[in-house]
Amino acid sequence: MTWRRALATAVVVVTAGPVTAAAQGTLAPARVPLELRQTEVSREERARRAIVRPALRLDEAVRQAERDAAEVEQAQRTERLLREAVRPEPRRPDLQHDVIQGIQQRALQRALRR
């Protein structure tokens, strides 16, 4: 048993030697820390900047709102139709459990009288 352990240890040492030597030969280049540079902009310069907003086109906005409303209405209509198509039909009141049990009970009583 001990000679097997010695052999296993020797195999590990022989195979690990070249791997560690190769890893040491390829050193990573020295890393230089990154510097973040921020340009200084004073509050006065920020305040002077003009805020440019896109021109508002009322007619285009109204058309887009109407299209969106129509899409929502169509989706609601489709949803309502699907719910109506899947809705189960109401059961007949003359086939309820109580009615059937009453009919069977009467039939049993009549059969026992005979």
C-alpha atoms as a PDB file:
ATOM      1  CA  MET A   1       0.000   0.000   0.000  1.00  0.00           C
ATOM      2  CA  THR A   2       2.723   2.470   0.857  1.00  0.00           C
ATOM      3  CA  TRP A   3       4.515   1.936  -2.452  1.00  0.00           C
ATOM      4  CA  ARG A   4       1.252   2.899  -4.221  1.00  0.00           C
ATOM      5  CA  ARG A   5       1.071   6.135  -2.272  1.00  0.00           C
ATOM      6  CA  ALA A   6       4.705   6.878  -3.047  1.00  0.00           C
ATOM      7  CA  LEU A   7       4.088   6.189  -6.735  1.00  0.00           C
ATOM      8  CA  ALA A   8       0.997   8.441  -6.755  1.00  0.00           C
ATOM      9  CA  THR A   9       2.922  11.222  -5.043  1.00  0.00           C
ATOM     10  CA  ALA A  10       5.748  10.912  -7.566  1.00  0.00           C
ATOM     11  CA  VAL A  11       3.305  11.091 -10.477  1.00  0.00           C
ATOM     12  CA  VAL A  12       1.693  14.232  -9.043  1.00  0.00           C
ATOM     13  CA  VAL A  13       5.062  15.915  -8.495  1.00  0.00           C
ATOM     14  CA  VAL A  14       6.311  15.050 -11.989  1.00  0.00           C
ATOM     15  CA  THR A  15       3.157  16.278 -13.744  1.00  0.00           C
ATOM     16  CA  ALA A  16       2.698  19.398 -11.567  1.00  0.00           C
ATOM     17  CA  GLY A  17       6.285  20.606 -12.018  1.00  0.00           C
ATOM     18  CA  PRO A  18       6.046  21.680 -15.690  1.00  0.00           C
ATOM     19  CA  VAL A  19       2.638  23.261 -15.141  1.00  0.00           C
ATOM     20  CA  THR A  20       3.846  25.543 -12.355  1.00  0.00           C
ATOM     21  CA  ALA A  21       7.010  26.427 -14.301  1.00  0.00           C
ATOM     22  CA  ALA A  22       4.929  27.385 -17.344  1.00  0.00           C
ATOM     23  CA  ALA A  23       2.604  29.464 -15.209  1.00  0.00           C
ATOM     24  CA  GLN A  24       5.503  31.336 -13.671  1.00  0.00           C
ATOM     25  CA  GLY A  25       7.040  32.023 -17.092  1.00  0.00           C
ATOM     26  CA  THR A  26       3.979  33.908 -18.331  1.00  0.00           C
ATOM     27  CA  LEU A  27       3.594  36.733 -15.870  1.00  0.00           C
ATOM     28  CA  ALA A  28       0.816  39.180 -16.439  1.00  0.00           C
ATOM     29  CA  PRO A  29       1.931  42.711 -17.336  1.00  0.00           C
ATOM     30  CA  ALA A  30       1.893  45.159 -14.492  1.00  0.00           C
ATOM     31  CA  ARG A  31      -1.531  46.693 -14.124  1.00  0.00           C
ATOM     32  CA  VAL A  32      -1.809  50.418 -14.075  1.00  0.00           C
ATOM     33  CA  PRO A  33      -4.678  51.789 -11.989  1.00  0.00           C
ATOM     34  CA  LEU A  34      -7.350  53.505 -14.026  1.00  0.00           C
ATOM     35  CA  GLU A  35      -7.912  57.175 -13.412  1.00  0.00           C
ATOM     36  CA  LEU A  36     -11.295  58.710 -13.681  1.00  0.00           C
ATOM     37  CA  ARG A  37     -11.162  62.244 -14.925  1.00  0.00           C
ATOM     38  CA  GLN A  38     -14.061  64.541 -14.648  1.00  0.00           C
ATOM     39  CA  THR A  39     -14.166  67.922 -16.228  1.00  0.00           C
ATOM     40  CA  GLU A  40     -15.053  70.599 -13.807  1.00  0.00           C
ATOM     41  CA  VAL A  41     -18.188  72.480 -14.745  1.00  0.00           C
ATOM     42  CA  SER A  42     -19.240  75.250 -12.448  1.00  0.00           C
ATOM     43  CA  ARG A  43     -22.782  75.836 -11.340  1.00  0.00           C
ATOM     44  CA  GLU A  44     -22.922  79.049 -13.291  1.00  0.00           C
ATOM     45  CA  GLU A  45     -22.066  77.267 -16.528  1.00  0.00           C
ATOM     46  CA  ARG A  46     -24.708  74.642 -15.829  1.00  0.00           C
ATOM     47  CA  ALA A  47     -27.282  77.338 -15.151  1.00  0.00           C
ATOM     48  CA  ARG A  48     -26.468  79.114 -18.422  1.00  0.00           C
ATOM     49  CA  ARG A  49     -27.024  76.046 -20.539  1.00  0.00           C
ATOM     50  CA  ALA A  50     -30.188  76.274 -22.556  1.00  0.00           C
ATOM     51  CA  ILE A  51     -32.659  73.443 -22.234  1.00  0.00           C
ATOM     52  CA  VAL A  52     -33.901  72.531 -25.674  1.00  0.00           C
ATOM     53  CA  ARG A  53     -37.063  70.489 -25.804  1.00  0.00           C
ATOM     54  CA  PRO A  54     -38.512  69.044 -29.000  1.00  0.00           C
ATOM     55  CA  ALA A  55     -41.353  70.965 -30.551  1.00  0.00           C
ATOM     56  CA  LEU A  56     -44.746  69.771 -29.363  1.00  0.00           C
ATOM     57  CA  ARG A  57     -47.114  68.841 -32.129  1.00  0.00           C
ATOM     58  CA  LEU A  58     -50.584  68.768 -30.680  1.00  0.00           C
ATOM     59  CA  ASP A  59     -52.296  67.174 -33.676  1.00  0.00           C
ATOM     60  CA  GLU A  60     -49.782  64.323 -33.742  1.00  0.00           C
ATOM     61  CA  ALA A  61     -50.145  63.745 -29.993  1.00  0.00           C
ATOM     62  CA  VAL A  62     -53.950  63.648 -30.296  1.00  0.00           C
ATOM     63  CA  ARG A  63     -53.766  61.127 -33.145  1.00  0.00           C
ATOM     64  CA  GLN A  64     -51.402  58.922 -31.146  1.00  0.00           C
ATOM     65  CA  ALA A  65     -53.713  59.074 -28.110  1.00  0.00           C
ATOM     66  CA  GLU A  66     -56.701  58.106 -30.278  1.00  0.00           C
ATOM     67  CA  ARG A  67     -54.761  55.166 -31.748  1.00  0.00           C
ATOM     68  CA  ASP A  68     -53.762  53.998 -28.268  1.00  0.00           C
ATOM     69  CA  ALA A  69     -57.363  54.279 -27.040  1.00  0.00           C
ATOM     70  CA  ALA A  70     -58.615  52.294 -30.044  1.00  0.00           C
ATOM     71  CA  GLU A  71     -56.042  49.553 -29.364  1.00  0.00           C
ATOM     72  CA  VAL A  72     -57.151  49.307 -25.736  1.00  0.00           C
ATOM     73  CA  GLU A  73     -60.823  49.127 -26.734  1.00  0.00           C
ATOM     74  CA  GLN A  74     -60.076  46.404 -29.284  1.00  0.00           C
ATOM     75  CA  ALA A  75     -58.170  44.379 -26.703  1.00  0.00           C
ATOM     76  CA  GLN A  76     -61.062  44.717 -24.239  1.00  0.00           C
ATOM     77  CA  ARG A  77     -63.586  43.644 -26.892  1.00  0.00           C
ATOM     78  CA  THR A  78     -61.499  40.614 -27.795  1.00  0.00           C
ATOM     79  CA  GLU A  79     -61.123  39.678 -24.141  1.00  0.00           C
ATOM     80  CA  ARG A  80     -64.872  40.005 -23.544  1.00  0.00           C
ATOM     81  CA  LEU A  81     -65.671  37.821 -26.565  1.00  0.00           C
ATOM     82  CA  LEU A  82     -63.244  35.152 -25.399  1.00  0.00           C
ATOM     83  CA  ARG A  83     -64.769  35.115 -21.910  1.00  0.00           C
ATOM     84  CA  GLU A  84     -68.275  34.783 -23.369  1.00  0.00           C
ATOM     85  CA  ALA A  85     -67.185  31.931 -25.629  1.00  0.00           C
ATOM     86  CA  VAL A  86     -65.640  30.009 -22.732  1.00  0.00           C
ATOM     87  CA  ARG A  87     -68.452  30.659 -20.234  1.00  0.00           C
ATOM     88  CA  PRO A  88     -70.184  27.382 -19.268  1.00  0.00           C
ATOM     89  CA  GLU A  89     -73.862  27.045 -20.005  1.00  0.00           C
ATOM     90  CA  PRO A  90     -76.179  27.198 -17.018  1.00  0.00           C
ATOM     91  CA  ARG A  91     -77.373  23.853 -15.733  1.00  0.00           C
ATOM     92  CA  ARG A  92     -81.017  22.902 -16.038  1.00  0.00           C
ATOM     93  CA  PRO A  93     -82.822  23.247 -12.708  1.00  0.00           C
ATOM     94  CA  ASP A  94     -84.786  20.044 -13.271  1.00  0.00           C
ATOM     95  CA  LEU A  95     -81.536  18.036 -13.340  1.00  0.00           C
ATOM     96  CA  GLN A  96     -80.135  19.307 -10.048  1.00  0.00           C
ATOM     97  CA  HIS A  97     -78.924  16.816  -7.447  1.00  0.00           C
ATOM     98  CA  ASP A  98     -81.848  17.450  -5.071  1.00  0.00           C
ATOM     99  CA  VAL A  99     -84.440  16.846  -7.793  1.00  0.00           C
ATOM    100  CA  ILE A 100     -82.834  13.586  -8.887  1.00  0.00           C
ATOM    101  CA  GLN A 101     -82.544  12.380  -5.282  1.00  0.00           C
ATOM    102  CA  GLY A 102     -86.220  13.221  -4.636  1.00  0.00           C
ATOM    103  CA  ILE A 103     -87.346  11.258  -7.701  1.00  0.00           C
ATOM    104  CA  GLN A 104     -85.239   8.265  -6.687  1.00  0.00           C
ATOM    105  CA  GLN A 105     -86.539   8.428  -3.098  1.00  0.00           C
ATOM    106  CA  ARG A 106     -90.162   8.399  -4.288  1.00  0.00           C
ATOM    107  CA  ALA A 107     -89.426   5.511  -6.613  1.00  0.00           C
ATOM    108  CA  LEU A 108     -87.884   3.536  -3.743  1.00  0.00           C
ATOM    109  CA  GLN A 109     -90.852   4.209  -1.457  1.00  0.00           C
ATOM    110  CA  ARG A 110     -93.309   3.082  -4.157  1.00  0.00           C
ATOM    111  CA  ALA A 111     -91.256  -0.040  -4.753  1.00  0.00           C
ATOM    112  CA  LEU A 112     -91.233  -0.927  -1.046  1.00  0.00           C
ATOM    113  CA  ARG A 113     -95.054  -0.540  -0.769  1.00  0.00           C
ATOM    114  CA  ARG A 114     -95.759  -3.166  -3.391  1.00  0.00           C
END
